[in-house]
């Protein structure tokens, strides 16, 4: 038996235990995790430094190293995220409905854990903690397979969390981390039908595409973020600039960062020079369409640019005829993640909300808010861009399924 299969089977056994425990036991374990993260922050940071040093040696881009990097403040933020999950209501066991049929059967529907959740992700150590605390809160076990770039960090975080979980009296295999980061291990994990109940990929387009195309285990597809900001005819320019700069530059390596700016042609000549100045002050490279380049001097955008999630200080810009073309362009080029309109026109805002096909659609706010923490879910397991089971930031409810419970008094079917 392979090591991965053995780990998965141990985690599967743990999932049966976790599905039966109460909220106080789960919260006790989570509070232990939060405390242990803070207590062991020096150890975690030392291991994280090994990953950062290796990434720098390999010439990894600065924006991607930011994803990998941990600091005291980020560890404190992780611990706070865990505590927020503790404070949230446990959805497990909630009876969603209860009805009585004419034959006397009482049929109810309640929330139950999914079981063993597999997470395949890249250079994001925070995902290790987010995944474990959310799955544990919902009575699920976790099988983790992180990227090689974050191996030392993930090992350290998993070690600390396992200690906290065991001290709380729960199975050590409630969380298992696959240490072999070879591609073949990921492929093996994708085929663990009957053991892994659902697989959630978190990472770039390549990783997600590979998982979706190769997994035989059910997959919840979390998406890449080719997110747009559309500046409408009726936009407040100061507001638009603040939203644009925040969405693009506050943290460009994340999936809810803005990758493309659309500007109505009615305001383009006035707004684009202001946008160029504001973006270039933050070190952003602008790639514009032909109409954009007639107004400001920037690099020419290719067709591919408008489909690209840069995860970097680069943005594509297109001048559109108005809201109809903006919506059409977004629905053609986006990844169904997060989209924003800046406008003071109510009709346009409602048209945008109704017509744009995305998990999160904003009026007059940065796309950077598409996040479980910001939405009040505590940590998040990912942002789903599909439409079945879960969509948008996935908090606790997304990690449950339903079970029908039926009470009878001897009924048989004729």
Protein backbone atom coordinates (compact mmCIF):
# COMPACT_ATOMS: atom_id res chain seq x y z
CA UNK A 1 0.00 0.00 0.00
CA UNK A 2 1.33 3.43 -0.92
CA UNK A 3 2.12 6.00 1.78
CA UNK A 4 -0.54 8.36 0.41
CA UNK A 5 -3.25 5.72 0.45
CA UNK A 6 -2.30 4.75 3.98
CA UNK A 7 -2.44 8.39 5.12
CA UNK A 8 -5.80 8.81 3.42
CA UNK A 9 -7.23 5.72 5.12
CA UNK A 10 -6.06 6.98 8.54
CA UNK A 11 -7.67 10.34 7.84
CA UNK A 12 -10.85 8.62 6.68
CA UNK A 13 -11.05 6.75 9.99
CA UNK A 14 -10.54 10.03 11.83
CA UNK A 15 -13.41 11.58 9.85
CA UNK A 16 -15.84 9.08 11.37
CA UNK A 17 -14.76 10.15 14.86
CA UNK A 18 -14.94 13.83 14.02
CA UNK A 19 -18.44 13.49 12.60
CA UNK A 20 -19.69 12.39 16.02
CA UNK A 21 -18.09 14.96 18.32
CA UNK A 22 -19.84 18.02 19.71
CA UNK A 23 -19.20 21.71 19.26
CA UNK A 24 -17.36 22.12 22.57
CA UNK A 25 -14.80 19.47 21.62
CA UNK A 26 -14.24 21.00 18.21
CA UNK A 27 -13.89 24.51 19.59
CA UNK A 28 -11.48 23.30 22.26
CA UNK A 29 -9.22 21.85 19.58
CA UNK A 30 -9.44 25.03 17.50
CA UNK A 31 -8.53 27.26 20.43
CA UNK A 32 -5.57 24.97 21.09
CA UNK A 33 -4.48 25.47 17.46
CA UNK A 34 -4.71 29.27 17.76
CA UNK A 35 -2.60 29.25 20.94
CA UNK A 36 -0.02 26.84 19.51
CA UNK A 37 0.41 28.94 16.37
CA UNK A 38 1.36 31.96 18.47
CA UNK A 39 3.53 29.96 20.89
CA UNK A 40 5.45 28.33 18.03
CA UNK A 41 5.69 31.37 15.76
CA UNK A 42 9.50 31.54 15.93
CA UNK A 43 9.76 27.89 14.86
CA UNK A 44 7.23 28.39 12.05
CA UNK A 45 9.00 31.52 10.79
CA UNK A 46 12.38 29.77 10.83
CA UNK A 47 10.98 26.98 8.64
CA UNK A 48 9.27 29.52 6.39
CA UNK A 49 12.63 31.26 5.89
CA UNK A 50 13.95 28.03 4.34
CA UNK A 51 11.16 28.12 1.78
CA UNK A 52 11.73 31.80 1.02
CA UNK A 53 15.48 31.33 0.59
CA UNK A 54 14.89 28.47 -1.82
CA UNK A 55 12.32 30.50 -3.79
CA UNK A 56 14.75 33.42 -4.10
CA UNK A 57 17.48 31.06 -5.29
CA UNK A 58 15.11 29.74 -7.95
CA UNK A 59 14.24 33.25 -9.17
CA UNK A 60 10.58 33.17 -8.09
CA UNK A 61 8.80 36.49 -8.74
CA UNK A 62 8.49 38.94 -5.85
CA UNK A 63 4.69 38.90 -5.99
CA UNK A 64 4.67 35.11 -5.64
CA UNK A 65 7.17 35.19 -2.78
CA UNK A 66 4.70 37.49 -1.01
CA UNK A 67 2.17 34.65 -1.12
CA UNK A 68 4.72 32.33 0.43
CA UNK A 69 6.04 34.69 3.08
CA UNK A 70 4.93 34.47 6.72
CA UNK A 71 5.48 37.17 9.32
CA UNK A 72 4.62 37.53 12.98
CA UNK A 73 1.65 39.65 11.93
CA UNK A 74 0.42 37.05 9.44
CA UNK A 75 0.67 34.27 12.01
CA UNK A 76 -1.28 36.41 14.47
CA UNK A 77 -3.82 36.91 11.67
CA UNK A 78 -4.00 33.15 11.14
CA UNK A 79 -4.66 32.61 14.84
CA UNK A 80 -7.33 35.33 14.80
CA UNK A 81 -8.95 33.62 11.84
CA UNK A 82 -9.09 30.38 13.82
CA UNK A 83 -10.67 32.18 16.78
CA UNK A 84 -13.24 33.73 14.46
CA UNK A 85 -14.19 30.25 13.28
CA UNK A 86 -14.63 29.22 16.93
CA UNK A 87 -17.08 32.09 17.38
CA UNK A 88 -19.16 31.04 14.37
CA UNK A 89 -22.24 28.89 14.67
CA UNK A 90 -21.64 25.23 13.84
CA UNK A 91 -23.84 24.26 10.87
CA UNK A 92 -23.47 20.52 11.52
CA UNK A 93 -26.67 18.98 12.85
CA UNK A 94 -28.85 21.89 11.78
CA UNK A 95 -32.28 20.64 10.72
CA UNK A 96 -33.05 22.58 7.55
CA UNK A 97 -36.61 21.30 7.14
CA UNK A 98 -39.07 18.83 8.61
CA UNK A 99 -42.35 17.91 6.90
CA UNK A 100 -45.04 15.31 7.41
CA UNK A 101 -46.30 13.34 4.42
CA UNK A 102 -49.92 12.20 4.00
CA UNK A 103 -48.86 8.64 4.90
CA UNK A 104 -47.55 9.81 8.27
CA UNK A 105 -43.83 9.74 7.41
CA UNK A 106 -41.94 12.67 8.88
CA UNK A 107 -39.11 13.62 6.52
CA UNK A 108 -36.35 15.94 7.68
CA UNK A 109 -33.18 17.29 6.13
CA UNK A 110 -30.13 18.19 8.21
CA UNK A 111 -26.55 19.26 7.65
CA UNK A 112 -23.79 16.68 8.07
CA UNK A 113 -20.01 16.68 7.37
CA UNK A 114 -18.70 15.79 3.91
CA UNK A 115 -16.19 13.33 5.41
CA UNK A 116 -12.58 13.41 4.19
CA UNK A 117 -11.73 16.55 2.26
CA UNK A 118 -8.62 16.64 0.09
CA UNK A 119 -6.94 19.98 -0.59
CA UNK A 120 -4.34 20.39 -3.36
CA UNK A 121 -2.73 23.82 -3.27
CA UNK A 122 0.39 25.77 -4.14
CA UNK A 123 2.68 28.24 -2.34
CA UNK A 124 0.17 29.46 0.24
CA UNK A 125 1.04 28.33 3.81
CA UNK A 126 -2.03 30.12 5.18
CA UNK A 127 -4.19 27.64 3.26
CA UNK A 128 -2.83 24.89 5.53
CA UNK A 129 -4.32 26.57 8.59
CA UNK A 130 -7.50 27.78 6.89
CA UNK A 131 -8.26 24.31 5.57
CA UNK A 132 -7.70 22.54 8.88
CA UNK A 133 -9.70 24.92 11.05
CA UNK A 134 -12.71 25.01 8.71
CA UNK A 135 -12.79 21.26 8.13
CA UNK A 136 -12.35 20.53 11.83
CA UNK A 137 -15.17 22.91 12.78
CA UNK A 138 -17.48 21.06 10.41
CA UNK A 139 -16.49 17.59 11.61
CA UNK A 140 -14.41 16.73 8.54
CA UNK A 141 -10.89 15.31 8.31
CA UNK A 142 -8.33 16.83 5.94
CA UNK A 143 -5.78 15.38 3.52
CA UNK A 144 -3.40 18.15 2.44
CA UNK A 145 -1.04 18.24 -0.51
CA UNK A 146 0.77 21.59 -0.70
CA UNK A 147 3.29 22.81 -3.24
CA UNK A 148 7.00 22.11 -3.01
CA UNK A 149 7.66 25.86 -2.60
CA UNK A 150 6.03 25.83 0.85
CA UNK A 151 7.03 22.37 2.07
CA UNK A 152 8.99 23.43 5.18
CA UNK A 153 6.28 25.89 6.19
CA UNK A 154 3.51 23.34 5.69
CA UNK A 155 5.37 20.68 7.65
CA UNK A 156 5.86 23.08 10.55
CA UNK A 157 2.25 24.27 10.57
CA UNK A 158 0.89 20.73 10.35
CA UNK A 159 3.16 19.54 13.16
CA UNK A 160 1.97 22.37 15.42
CA UNK A 161 -1.70 21.76 14.61
CA UNK A 162 -1.45 18.00 15.08
CA UNK A 163 -0.02 18.55 18.56
CA UNK A 164 -2.89 20.89 19.40
CA UNK A 165 -5.48 18.43 18.08
CA UNK A 166 -4.05 15.47 20.02
CA UNK A 167 -3.87 17.54 23.23
CA UNK A 168 -7.59 18.22 22.75
CA UNK A 169 -8.27 14.48 22.66
CA UNK A 170 -9.00 14.17 18.93
CA UNK A 171 -7.37 11.75 16.44
CA UNK A 172 -3.90 12.74 15.23
CA UNK A 173 -4.93 11.81 11.68
CA UNK A 174 -7.67 14.45 11.68
CA UNK A 175 -5.16 16.20 9.43
CA UNK A 176 -2.63 14.47 7.18
CA UNK A 177 -0.04 16.25 5.02
CA UNK A 178 1.44 14.50 1.99
CA UNK A 179 5.15 15.28 2.18
CA UNK A 180 6.08 14.05 -1.30
CA UNK A 181 5.36 16.98 -3.63
CA UNK A 182 6.04 15.10 -6.86
CA UNK A 183 3.28 15.48 -9.46
CA UNK A 184 2.55 11.76 -9.32
CA UNK A 185 1.44 12.06 -5.69
CA UNK A 186 -1.13 14.65 -6.67
CA UNK A 187 -2.41 12.38 -9.42
CA UNK A 188 -2.68 9.47 -6.99
CA UNK A 189 -4.63 11.66 -4.59
CA UNK A 190 -7.05 12.55 -7.40
CA UNK A 191 -7.93 8.85 -7.80
CA UNK A 192 -8.71 7.99 -4.17
CA UNK A 193 -12.38 7.24 -4.83
CA UNK A 194 -14.21 5.81 -1.88
CA UNK A 195 -11.68 7.34 0.52
CA UNK A 196 -11.54 11.05 -0.30
CA UNK A 197 -15.09 12.42 -0.43
CA UNK A 198 -14.32 15.68 -2.21
CA UNK A 199 -11.24 17.39 -3.63
CA UNK A 200 -10.67 21.15 -3.57
CA UNK A 201 -7.82 22.61 -5.67
CA UNK A 202 -6.44 26.03 -4.72
CA UNK A 203 -3.89 27.64 -6.97
CA UNK A 204 -3.22 28.85 -10.48
CA UNK A 205 -5.10 28.02 -13.66
CA UNK A 206 -2.72 25.15 -14.50
CA UNK A 207 -3.24 23.36 -11.19
CA UNK A 208 -7.02 23.76 -11.25
CA UNK A 209 -7.25 22.59 -14.88
CA UNK A 210 -5.14 19.52 -14.09
CA UNK A 211 -7.30 18.56 -11.12
CA UNK A 212 -10.60 19.12 -12.93
CA UNK A 213 -9.47 17.11 -15.97
CA UNK A 214 -7.77 14.23 -14.13
CA UNK A 215 -9.62 13.69 -10.85
CA UNK A 216 -12.09 10.84 -10.50
CA UNK A 217 -12.89 12.06 -6.98
CA UNK A 218 -15.63 14.76 -6.97
CA UNK A 219 -14.11 18.26 -7.28
CA UNK A 220 -15.21 21.68 -6.08
CA UNK A 221 -13.54 24.00 -8.57
CA UNK A 222 -12.00 27.10 -7.03
CA UNK A 223 -11.17 29.64 -9.64
CA UNK A 224 -8.45 31.80 -10.93
CA UNK A 225 -9.27 35.49 -10.75
CA UNK A 226 -9.30 37.50 -13.94
CA UNK A 227 -11.20 40.30 -12.18
CA UNK A 228 -12.35 43.56 -13.77
CA UNK A 229 -13.06 47.10 -12.60
CA UNK A 230 -15.43 48.99 -14.91
CA UNK A 231 -15.47 52.79 -14.58
CA UNK A 232 -18.88 53.90 -15.80
CA UNK A 233 -20.01 57.20 -17.36
CA UNK A 234 -21.39 58.25 -13.98
CA UNK A 235 -18.38 57.36 -11.84
CA UNK A 236 -16.88 59.56 -9.15
CA UNK A 237 -13.28 59.75 -10.36
CA UNK A 238 -11.68 59.96 -6.92
CA UNK A 239 -13.64 56.92 -5.80
CA UNK A 240 -12.78 55.06 -9.00
CA UNK A 241 -9.06 55.75 -8.62
CA UNK A 242 -9.04 54.64 -4.98
CA UNK A 243 -10.90 51.42 -5.80
CA UNK A 244 -8.74 50.69 -8.85
CA UNK A 245 -5.42 51.23 -7.07
CA UNK A 246 -6.52 49.17 -4.08
CA UNK A 247 -7.89 46.32 -6.20
CA UNK A 248 -4.72 46.16 -8.33
CA UNK A 249 -1.90 46.95 -5.91
CA UNK A 250 -2.94 46.22 -2.30
CA UNK A 251 -1.87 42.60 -2.88
CA UNK A 252 -1.46 41.82 -6.57
CA UNK A 253 -0.61 38.13 -6.13
CA UNK A 254 -4.05 37.08 -4.91
CA UNK A 255 -7.05 35.84 -6.92
CA UNK A 256 -9.34 38.77 -6.05
CA UNK A 257 -6.93 41.43 -7.34
CA UNK A 258 -8.04 43.47 -10.34
CA UNK A 259 -6.39 42.35 -13.59
CA UNK A 260 -8.28 44.47 -16.12
CA UNK A 261 -9.64 48.01 -16.22
CA UNK A 262 -12.58 48.91 -18.45
CA UNK A 263 -13.41 52.58 -19.03
CA UNK A 264 -16.45 54.07 -20.74
CA UNK A 265 -15.45 56.02 -23.86
CA UNK A 266 -17.45 59.04 -22.64
CA UNK A 267 -14.99 59.62 -19.80
CA UNK A 268 -11.88 57.89 -21.12
CA UNK A 269 -10.00 61.02 -22.24
CA UNK A 270 -10.37 62.57 -18.81
CA UNK A 271 -10.04 59.48 -16.63
CA UNK A 272 -7.29 57.44 -18.31
CA UNK A 273 -4.45 59.96 -17.74
CA UNK A 274 -5.42 60.06 -14.06
CA UNK A 275 -5.51 56.25 -13.89
CA UNK A 276 -2.14 56.00 -15.64
CA UNK A 277 -0.52 58.35 -13.15
CA UNK A 278 -2.03 56.59 -10.13
CA UNK A 279 -1.10 53.09 -11.34
CA UNK A 280 2.41 53.95 -12.49
CA UNK A 281 3.14 55.58 -9.14
CA UNK A 282 2.58 52.09 -7.70
CA UNK A 283 4.85 50.48 -10.29
CA UNK A 284 2.07 48.96 -12.42
CA UNK A 285 2.74 48.19 -16.09
CA UNK A 286 -0.26 49.13 -18.25
CA UNK A 287 -1.17 47.26 -21.43
CA UNK A 288 -3.88 49.05 -23.39
CA UNK A 289 -6.18 48.50 -26.34
CA UNK A 290 -5.88 50.66 -29.46
CA UNK A 291 -8.31 53.29 -28.16
CA UNK A 292 -6.51 53.42 -24.84
CA UNK A 293 -3.18 54.02 -26.61
CA UNK A 294 -4.68 56.93 -28.55
CA UNK A 295 -5.23 58.65 -25.21
CA UNK A 296 -2.23 57.54 -23.10
CA UNK A 297 1.19 56.19 -23.98
CA UNK A 298 1.28 52.56 -22.81
CA UNK A 299 2.31 49.15 -24.07
CA UNK A 300 -0.07 47.48 -26.56
CA UNK A 301 -2.35 44.80 -25.15
CA UNK A 302 -2.73 41.49 -27.00
CA UNK A 303 -5.92 39.43 -27.14
CA UNK A 304 -4.34 37.09 -24.59
CA UNK A 305 -3.80 39.96 -22.14
CA UNK A 306 -7.54 40.31 -21.65
CA UNK A 307 -7.78 36.65 -20.60
CA UNK A 308 -4.76 36.78 -18.28
CA UNK A 309 -4.58 36.60 -14.50
CA UNK A 310 -1.21 38.31 -14.01
CA UNK A 311 -0.76 37.97 -10.23
CA UNK A 312 1.69 40.82 -10.70
CA UNK A 313 1.98 44.59 -11.15
CA UNK A 314 0.48 44.46 -14.65
CA UNK A 315 -3.00 45.48 -15.81
CA UNK A 316 -4.84 45.38 -19.13
CA UNK A 317 -7.00 48.36 -20.10
CA UNK A 318 -9.85 48.60 -22.61
CA UNK A 319 -12.05 51.51 -23.61
CA UNK A 320 -15.65 50.33 -24.10
CA UNK A 321 -18.66 52.05 -25.64
CA UNK A 322 -20.65 51.79 -22.42
CA UNK A 323 -22.13 49.40 -19.89
CA UNK A 324 -23.46 46.90 -22.45
CA UNK A 325 -20.02 46.36 -23.99
CA UNK A 326 -18.43 46.27 -20.52
CA UNK A 327 -20.76 43.47 -19.44
CA UNK A 328 -20.22 41.57 -22.70
CA UNK A 329 -16.43 41.90 -22.42
CA UNK A 330 -16.43 40.73 -18.80
CA UNK A 331 -18.65 37.72 -19.45
CA UNK A 332 -16.43 36.72 -22.37
CA UNK A 333 -13.06 37.13 -20.66
CA UNK A 334 -13.57 36.66 -16.94
CA UNK A 335 -13.13 33.59 -14.76
CA UNK A 336 -16.45 34.05 -12.92
CA UNK A 337 -14.69 35.32 -9.78
CA UNK A 338 -15.18 39.00 -8.80
CA UNK A 339 -16.24 42.02 -10.86
CA UNK A 340 -16.77 45.69 -9.99
CA UNK A 341 -18.62 48.69 -11.43
CA UNK A 342 -17.93 52.21 -10.22
CA UNK A 343 -20.99 54.35 -10.85
CA UNK A 344 -23.50 56.69 -9.24
CA UNK A 345 -26.21 55.59 -11.66
CA UNK A 346 -28.68 53.21 -9.98
CA UNK A 347 -29.99 51.66 -13.22
CA UNK A 348 -26.48 50.88 -14.42
CA UNK A 349 -25.52 49.39 -11.08
CA UNK A 350 -28.55 47.08 -11.14
CA UNK A 351 -27.95 46.09 -14.77
CA UNK A 352 -24.36 45.21 -13.88
CA UNK A 353 -25.42 43.18 -10.82
CA UNK A 354 -28.01 41.23 -12.80
CA UNK A 355 -26.05 40.65 -15.99
CA UNK A 356 -22.45 39.95 -14.94
CA UNK A 357 -21.78 36.24 -14.51
CA UNK A 358 -19.49 35.98 -11.48
CA UNK A 359 -19.50 34.65 -7.93
CA UNK A 360 -19.15 38.16 -6.47
CA UNK A 361 -20.31 41.37 -8.14
CA UNK A 362 -19.53 44.77 -6.58
CA UNK A 363 -20.94 48.24 -6.87
CA UNK A 364 -18.46 50.93 -5.76
CA UNK A 365 -16.10 48.67 -3.78
CA UNK A 366 -12.79 46.91 -4.36
CA UNK A 367 -12.80 43.30 -5.53
CA UNK A 368 -10.24 42.63 -2.79
CA UNK A 369 -13.12 42.04 -0.37
CA UNK A 370 -13.98 38.64 -1.89
CA UNK A 371 -12.60 36.72 1.03
CA UNK A 372 -14.05 34.51 3.76
CA UNK A 373 -12.61 36.67 6.52
CA UNK A 374 -14.05 39.87 5.04
CA UNK A 375 -17.43 38.21 4.42
CA UNK A 376 -17.63 37.20 8.08
CA UNK A 377 -16.99 33.48 7.55
CA UNK A 378 -13.69 33.47 9.47
CA UNK A 379 -11.14 31.67 7.32
CA UNK A 380 -12.12 30.27 3.92
CA UNK A 381 -11.41 26.99 2.18
CA UNK A 382 -11.35 28.68 -1.22
CA UNK A 383 -13.47 30.74 -3.59
CA UNK A 384 -15.69 28.59 -5.76
CA UNK A 385 -16.35 29.84 -9.29
CA UNK A 386 -18.65 26.97 -10.19
CA UNK A 387 -22.40 26.96 -9.63
CA UNK A 388 -23.10 23.56 -8.06
CA UNK A 389 -23.02 23.00 -4.29
CA UNK A 390 -20.99 26.10 -3.42
CA UNK A 391 -20.22 29.46 -5.04
CA UNK A 392 -18.03 32.33 -3.88
CA UNK A 393 -16.01 32.29 -0.64
CA UNK A 394 -16.55 28.88 0.93
CA UNK A 395 -17.06 28.96 4.67
CA UNK A 396 -18.52 26.38 7.00
CA UNK A 397 -21.80 25.61 5.23
CA UNK A 398 -19.92 24.82 2.00
CA UNK A 399 -18.11 22.01 3.83
CA UNK A 400 -21.32 20.22 4.72
CA UNK A 401 -23.81 18.18 2.78
CA UNK A 402 -27.33 17.09 3.69
CA UNK A 403 -28.79 13.89 5.03
CA UNK A 404 -32.48 13.04 4.93
CA UNK A 405 -33.83 11.67 8.20
CA UNK A 406 -37.14 9.86 8.06
CA UNK A 407 -39.36 8.90 11.03
CA UNK A 408 -42.09 6.33 10.57
CA UNK A 409 -44.39 4.12 12.58
CA UNK A 410 -44.46 0.99 10.46
CA UNK A 411 -45.24 2.39 7.01
CA UNK A 412 -44.64 0.13 3.98
CA UNK A 413 -44.90 1.17 0.35
CA UNK A 414 -47.69 -0.30 -1.75
